[in-house]
């Protein structure tokens, strides 16, 4: 018998000074038994960093042909395709042919090796943006992960200031591919 997903409920007080977005985000995330806490944290960070009203979580790792998050046009075309981690560049290039914009929130223990091998392959695609996140930051958030998540997140000058369970964390978003818009 397959193990069930673990449900996490999140509330994020988002103050994105860079984009002028000030929202209280509420999300329910299903964590597949094979998904790490770090990956779940990355998905929630991607939701906040790229937030727009139509953005939604997909079936994720249960559906290999879908991104982690997406935003669609009324005619069902994909406007924004968001991945997390360090996927193969071919997956991102394929997504770029079908979506108006593709964003990767890149973080992994081997991210710098991934950068060296694949970043150049993505540079020619004008609608792909790769944002690097420090994996140690992700790990710290994952260590304190509860089923109820409450974050206060401020983004200013591409720096994340996050408060969770009385602890404060900080990291810089590093634009690796694409522009900072």
C-alpha atoms as a PDB file:
ATOM      1  CA  UNK A   1       0.000   0.000   0.000  1.00  0.00           C
ATOM      2  CA  UNK A   2       1.303   3.424  -0.974  1.00  0.00           C
ATOM      3  CA  UNK A   3       2.037   5.966   1.710  1.00  0.00           C
ATOM      4  CA  UNK A   4      -0.249   9.025   1.691  1.00  0.00           C
ATOM      5  CA  UNK A   5       0.952  12.551   1.102  1.00  0.00           C
ATOM      6  CA  UNK A   6       1.531  14.793   4.113  1.00  0.00           C
ATOM      7  CA  UNK A   7      -0.526  17.971   4.038  1.00  0.00           C
ATOM      8  CA  UNK A   8       1.139  21.258   5.003  1.00  0.00           C
ATOM      9  CA  UNK A   9      -0.814  24.470   5.455  1.00  0.00           C
ATOM     10  CA  UNK A  10       1.082  27.688   4.937  1.00  0.00           C
ATOM     11  CA  UNK A  11       0.426  31.353   5.597  1.00  0.00           C
ATOM     12  CA  UNK A  12       3.005  33.766   4.217  1.00  0.00           C
ATOM     13  CA  UNK A  13       2.909  37.480   5.000  1.00  0.00           C
ATOM     14  CA  UNK A  14       4.586  38.670   1.798  1.00  0.00           C
ATOM     15  CA  UNK A  15       6.135  42.112   1.425  1.00  0.00           C
ATOM     16  CA  UNK A  16       7.871  42.120  -1.952  1.00  0.00           C
ATOM     17  CA  UNK A  17       9.260  45.641  -2.032  1.00  0.00           C
ATOM     18  CA  UNK A  18      11.034  44.994  -5.344  1.00  0.00           C
ATOM     19  CA  UNK A  19       7.762  44.258  -7.184  1.00  0.00           C
ATOM     20  CA  UNK A  20       5.335  46.236  -4.999  1.00  0.00           C
ATOM     21  CA  UNK A  21       3.439  43.105  -3.912  1.00  0.00           C
ATOM     22  CA  UNK A  22       1.998  43.057  -0.386  1.00  0.00           C
ATOM     23  CA  UNK A  23      -0.225  40.046   0.239  1.00  0.00           C
ATOM     24  CA  UNK A  24      -1.173  37.436   2.788  1.00  0.00           C
ATOM     25  CA  UNK A  25      -0.722  34.147   0.937  1.00  0.00           C
ATOM     26  CA  UNK A  26      -2.487  31.002   2.068  1.00  0.00           C
ATOM     27  CA  UNK A  27      -1.604  27.665   0.523  1.00  0.00           C
ATOM     28  CA  UNK A  28      -2.116  23.990   1.105  1.00  0.00           C
ATOM     29  CA  UNK A  29       0.797  21.864  -0.068  1.00  0.00           C
ATOM     30  CA  UNK A  30       0.738  18.103  -0.424  1.00  0.00           C
ATOM     31  CA  UNK A  31       4.145  16.566   0.274  1.00  0.00           C
ATOM     32  CA  UNK A  32       4.575  13.301  -1.603  1.00  0.00           C
ATOM     33  CA  UNK A  33       6.309  10.579   0.476  1.00  0.00           C
ATOM     34  CA  UNK A  34       9.319  10.762  -1.848  1.00  0.00           C
ATOM     35  CA  UNK A  35       9.600  14.561  -1.621  1.00  0.00           C
ATOM     36  CA  UNK A  36      12.213  16.047   0.687  1.00  0.00           C
ATOM     37  CA  UNK A  37      11.482  18.834   3.145  1.00  0.00           C
ATOM     38  CA  UNK A  38      13.949  20.992   1.207  1.00  0.00           C
ATOM     39  CA  UNK A  39      11.966  20.586  -2.012  1.00  0.00           C
ATOM     40  CA  UNK A  40       8.715  21.501  -0.261  1.00  0.00           C
ATOM     41  CA  UNK A  41      10.393  24.620   1.164  1.00  0.00           C
ATOM     42  CA  UNK A  42      11.632  25.521  -2.331  1.00  0.00           C
ATOM     43  CA  UNK A  43       8.125  25.160  -3.772  1.00  0.00           C
ATOM     44  CA  UNK A  44       6.728  27.493  -1.118  1.00  0.00           C
ATOM     45  CA  UNK A  45       9.569  29.980  -1.660  1.00  0.00           C
ATOM     46  CA  UNK A  46       8.934  29.895  -5.421  1.00  0.00           C
ATOM     47  CA  UNK A  47       5.247  30.584  -4.790  1.00  0.00           C
ATOM     48  CA  UNK A  48       6.111  33.669  -2.750  1.00  0.00           C
ATOM     49  CA  UNK A  49       8.996  34.950  -4.905  1.00  0.00           C
ATOM     50  CA  UNK A  50       6.975  34.660  -8.137  1.00  0.00           C
ATOM     51  CA  UNK A  51       3.541  35.333  -6.674  1.00  0.00           C
ATOM     52  CA  UNK A  52       0.763  36.535  -8.912  1.00  0.00           C
ATOM     53  CA  UNK A  53      -2.959  35.995  -8.263  1.00  0.00           C
ATOM     54  CA  UNK A  54      -3.368  33.182 -10.836  1.00  0.00           C
ATOM     55  CA  UNK A  55      -0.329  31.188  -9.660  1.00  0.00           C
ATOM     56  CA  UNK A  56      -1.130  27.669  -8.463  1.00  0.00           C
ATOM     57  CA  UNK A  57       0.594  24.481  -7.400  1.00  0.00           C
ATOM     58  CA  UNK A  58       0.379  21.524  -9.768  1.00  0.00           C
ATOM     59  CA  UNK A  59       0.489  17.803  -9.087  1.00  0.00           C
ATOM     60  CA  UNK A  60       4.273  18.250  -9.035  1.00  0.00           C
ATOM     61  CA  UNK A  61       6.389  15.116  -8.876  1.00  0.00           C
ATOM     62  CA  UNK A  62       3.266  12.986  -9.360  1.00  0.00           C
ATOM     63  CA  UNK A  63       2.885  14.391 -12.886  1.00  0.00           C
ATOM     64  CA  UNK A  64       6.210  14.435 -14.719  1.00  0.00           C
ATOM     65  CA  UNK A  65       4.939  16.645 -17.538  1.00  0.00           C
ATOM     66  CA  UNK A  66       3.835  19.500 -15.261  1.00  0.00           C
ATOM     67  CA  UNK A  67       5.946  22.116 -13.490  1.00  0.00           C
ATOM     68  CA  UNK A  68       5.907  22.652  -9.733  1.00  0.00           C
ATOM     69  CA  UNK A  69       3.756  25.776 -10.139  1.00  0.00           C
ATOM     70  CA  UNK A  70       2.128  27.518 -13.035  1.00  0.00           C
ATOM     71  CA  UNK A  71      -0.117  30.330 -14.094  1.00  0.00           C
ATOM     72  CA  UNK A  72      -2.385  29.925 -17.100  1.00  0.00           C
ATOM     73  CA  UNK A  73      -4.167  32.260 -19.479  1.00  0.00           C
ATOM     74  CA  UNK A  74      -7.980  32.025 -19.745  1.00  0.00           C
ATOM     75  CA  UNK A  75      -7.543  29.968 -22.940  1.00  0.00           C
ATOM     76  CA  UNK A  76      -5.425  27.420 -20.943  1.00  0.00           C
ATOM     77  CA  UNK A  77      -2.074  28.472 -22.427  1.00  0.00           C
ATOM     78  CA  UNK A  78       0.718  28.495 -19.834  1.00  0.00           C
ATOM     79  CA  UNK A  79       1.845  32.034 -19.019  1.00  0.00           C
ATOM     80  CA  UNK A  80       4.306  31.162 -16.234  1.00  0.00           C
ATOM     81  CA  UNK A  81       6.037  27.782 -15.718  1.00  0.00           C
ATOM     82  CA  UNK A  82       7.997  27.426 -12.455  1.00  0.00           C
ATOM     83  CA  UNK A  83      10.409  24.640 -11.540  1.00  0.00           C
ATOM     84  CA  UNK A  84      12.502  24.154  -8.399  1.00  0.00           C
ATOM     85  CA  UNK A  85      15.752  22.299  -7.778  1.00  0.00           C
ATOM     86  CA  UNK A  86      18.190  21.493 -10.572  1.00  0.00           C
ATOM     87  CA  UNK A  87      16.293  19.848 -13.449  1.00  0.00           C
ATOM     88  CA  UNK A  88      17.848  18.894 -16.760  1.00  0.00           C
ATOM     89  CA  UNK A  89      18.169  21.952 -19.041  1.00  0.00           C
ATOM     90  CA  UNK A  90      16.252  20.141 -21.792  1.00  0.00           C
ATOM     91  CA  UNK A  91      13.165  20.178 -19.562  1.00  0.00           C
ATOM     92  CA  UNK A  92      13.414  23.961 -19.168  1.00  0.00           C
ATOM     93  CA  UNK A  93      14.072  24.520 -22.879  1.00  0.00           C
ATOM     94  CA  UNK A  94      11.031  22.417 -23.763  1.00  0.00           C
ATOM     95  CA  UNK A  95       8.931  24.404 -21.275  1.00  0.00           C
ATOM     96  CA  UNK A  96      10.210  27.642 -22.830  1.00  0.00           C
ATOM     97  CA  UNK A  97       8.725  26.579 -26.174  1.00  0.00           C
ATOM     98  CA  UNK A  98       5.276  26.173 -24.587  1.00  0.00           C
ATOM     99  CA  UNK A  99       5.146  28.875 -21.918  1.00  0.00           C
ATOM    100  CA  UNK A 100       5.491  32.629 -22.158  1.00  0.00           C
ATOM    101  CA  UNK A 101       7.917  32.665 -19.206  1.00  0.00           C
ATOM    102  CA  UNK A 102       9.890  29.963 -17.373  1.00  0.00           C
ATOM    103  CA  UNK A 103      11.436  30.457 -13.933  1.00  0.00           C
ATOM    104  CA  UNK A 104      13.726  28.051 -12.116  1.00  0.00           C
ATOM    105  CA  UNK A 105      14.392  28.510  -8.408  1.00  0.00           C
ATOM    106  CA  UNK A 106      17.715  26.640  -8.370  1.00  0.00           C
ATOM    107  CA  UNK A 107      18.967  25.141  -5.134  1.00  0.00           C
ATOM    108  CA  UNK A 108      20.661  21.841  -4.416  1.00  0.00           C
ATOM    109  CA  UNK A 109      23.800  20.565  -2.711  1.00  0.00           C
ATOM    110  CA  UNK A 110      25.375  20.298  -6.177  1.00  0.00           C
ATOM    111  CA  UNK A 111      23.936  23.500  -7.628  1.00  0.00           C
ATOM    112  CA  UNK A 112      27.319  25.033  -8.452  1.00  0.00           C
ATOM    113  CA  UNK A 113      28.242  21.966 -10.500  1.00  0.00           C
ATOM    114  CA  UNK A 114      24.837  22.242 -12.219  1.00  0.00           C
ATOM    115  CA  UNK A 115      25.599  25.931 -12.941  1.00  0.00           C
ATOM    116  CA  UNK A 116      28.915  25.046 -14.558  1.00  0.00           C
ATOM    117  CA  UNK A 117      27.430  22.270 -16.702  1.00  0.00           C
ATOM    118  CA  UNK A 118      24.090  23.699 -17.784  1.00  0.00           C
ATOM    119  CA  UNK A 119      23.753  27.438 -17.231  1.00  0.00           C
ATOM    120  CA  UNK A 120      25.314  28.305 -20.581  1.00  0.00           C
ATOM    121  CA  UNK A 121      22.818  26.051 -22.415  1.00  0.00           C
ATOM    122  CA  UNK A 122      19.942  28.159 -21.090  1.00  0.00           C
ATOM    123  CA  UNK A 123      21.410  31.566 -21.912  1.00  0.00           C
ATOM    124  CA  UNK A 124      20.008  31.736 -25.452  1.00  0.00           C
ATOM    125  CA  UNK A 125      16.388  31.330 -24.371  1.00  0.00           C
ATOM    126  CA  UNK A 126      15.004  34.821 -23.812  1.00  0.00           C
ATOM    127  CA  UNK A 127      12.048  33.680 -21.685  1.00  0.00           C
ATOM    128  CA  UNK A 128      13.967  31.625 -19.098  1.00  0.00           C
ATOM    129  CA  UNK A 129      15.065  33.041 -15.768  1.00  0.00           C
ATOM    130  CA  UNK A 130      17.169  31.039 -13.309  1.00  0.00           C
ATOM    131  CA  UNK A 131      17.309  32.318  -9.737  1.00  0.00           C
ATOM    132  CA  UNK A 132      19.904  30.779  -7.427  1.00  0.00           C
ATOM    133  CA  UNK A 133      19.048  30.264  -3.762  1.00  0.00           C
ATOM    134  CA  UNK A 134      21.602  29.279  -1.122  1.00  0.00           C
ATOM    135  CA  UNK A 135      20.977  25.640  -0.210  1.00  0.00           C
ATOM    136  CA  UNK A 136      22.107  26.213   3.394  1.00  0.00           C
ATOM    137  CA  UNK A 137      19.231  28.723   3.713  1.00  0.00           C
ATOM    138  CA  UNK A 138      16.783  26.123   2.361  1.00  0.00           C
ATOM    139  CA  UNK A 139      18.181  23.506   4.759  1.00  0.00           C
ATOM    140  CA  UNK A 140      17.692  25.783   7.773  1.00  0.00           C
ATOM    141  CA  UNK A 141      14.052  26.328   6.830  1.00  0.00           C
ATOM    142  CA  UNK A 142      13.550  22.600   6.202  1.00  0.00           C
ATOM    143  CA  UNK A 143      14.967  21.699   9.629  1.00  0.00           C
ATOM    144  CA  UNK A 144      12.140  23.556  11.360  1.00  0.00           C
ATOM    145  CA  UNK A 145       9.419  22.480   8.941  1.00  0.00           C
ATOM    146  CA  UNK A 146       6.072  21.818  10.591  1.00  0.00           C
ATOM    147  CA  UNK A 147       2.729  20.849   9.116  1.00  0.00           C
ATOM    148  CA  UNK A 148       1.558  24.396   9.788  1.00  0.00           C
ATOM    149  CA  UNK A 149       3.921  26.950   8.268  1.00  0.00           C
ATOM    150  CA  UNK A 150       3.828  30.624   9.176  1.00  0.00           C
ATOM    151  CA  UNK A 151       6.322  32.904   7.466  1.00  0.00           C
ATOM    152  CA  UNK A 152       6.863  36.633   7.323  1.00  0.00           C
ATOM    153  CA  UNK A 153       8.793  37.216   4.108  1.00  0.00           C
ATOM    154  CA  UNK A 154      10.220  40.514   2.910  1.00  0.00           C
ATOM    155  CA  UNK A 155      12.020  40.801  -0.416  1.00  0.00           C
ATOM    156  CA  UNK A 156      14.073  43.950  -0.919  1.00  0.00           C
ATOM    157  CA  UNK A 157      16.951  44.525  -3.339  1.00  0.00           C
ATOM    158  CA  UNK A 158      16.885  40.794  -4.234  1.00  0.00           C
ATOM    159  CA  UNK A 159      17.445  39.844  -0.585  1.00  0.00           C
ATOM    160  CA  UNK A 160      15.017  37.585   1.269  1.00  0.00           C
ATOM    161  CA  UNK A 161      14.354  38.322   4.928  1.00  0.00           C
ATOM    162  CA  UNK A 162      12.282  35.516   6.416  1.00  0.00           C
ATOM    163  CA  UNK A 163      10.948  35.056   9.927  1.00  0.00           C
ATOM    164  CA  UNK A 164       9.605  31.664  10.964  1.00  0.00           C
ATOM    165  CA  UNK A 165       8.890  30.360  14.481  1.00  0.00           C
ATOM    166  CA  UNK A 166      10.684  33.326  16.046  1.00  0.00           C
ATOM    167  CA  UNK A 167      13.865  32.797  14.021  1.00  0.00           C
ATOM    168  CA  UNK A 168      15.138  35.156  11.340  1.00  0.00           C
ATOM    169  CA  UNK A 169      16.859  34.040   8.147  1.00  0.00           C
ATOM    170  CA  UNK A 170      18.385  35.964   5.286  1.00  0.00           C
ATOM    171  CA  UNK A 171      19.691  35.127   1.829  1.00  0.00           C
ATOM    172  CA  UNK A 172      20.235  36.769  -1.533  1.00  0.00           C
ATOM    173  CA  UNK A 173      18.452  35.762  -4.713  1.00  0.00           C
ATOM    174  CA  UNK A 174      21.118  35.406  -7.380  1.00  0.00           C
ATOM    175  CA  UNK A 175      19.994  35.908 -10.991  1.00  0.00           C
ATOM    176  CA  UNK A 176      21.960  33.257 -12.898  1.00  0.00           C
ATOM    177  CA  UNK A 177      20.153  33.404 -16.244  1.00  0.00           C
ATOM    178  CA  UNK A 178      17.791  36.056 -17.612  1.00  0.00           C
ATOM    179  CA  UNK A 179      16.938  39.469 -16.302  1.00  0.00           C
ATOM    180  CA  UNK A 180      15.853  40.543 -12.853  1.00  0.00           C
ATOM    181  CA  UNK A 181      12.265  41.429 -13.849  1.00  0.00           C
END
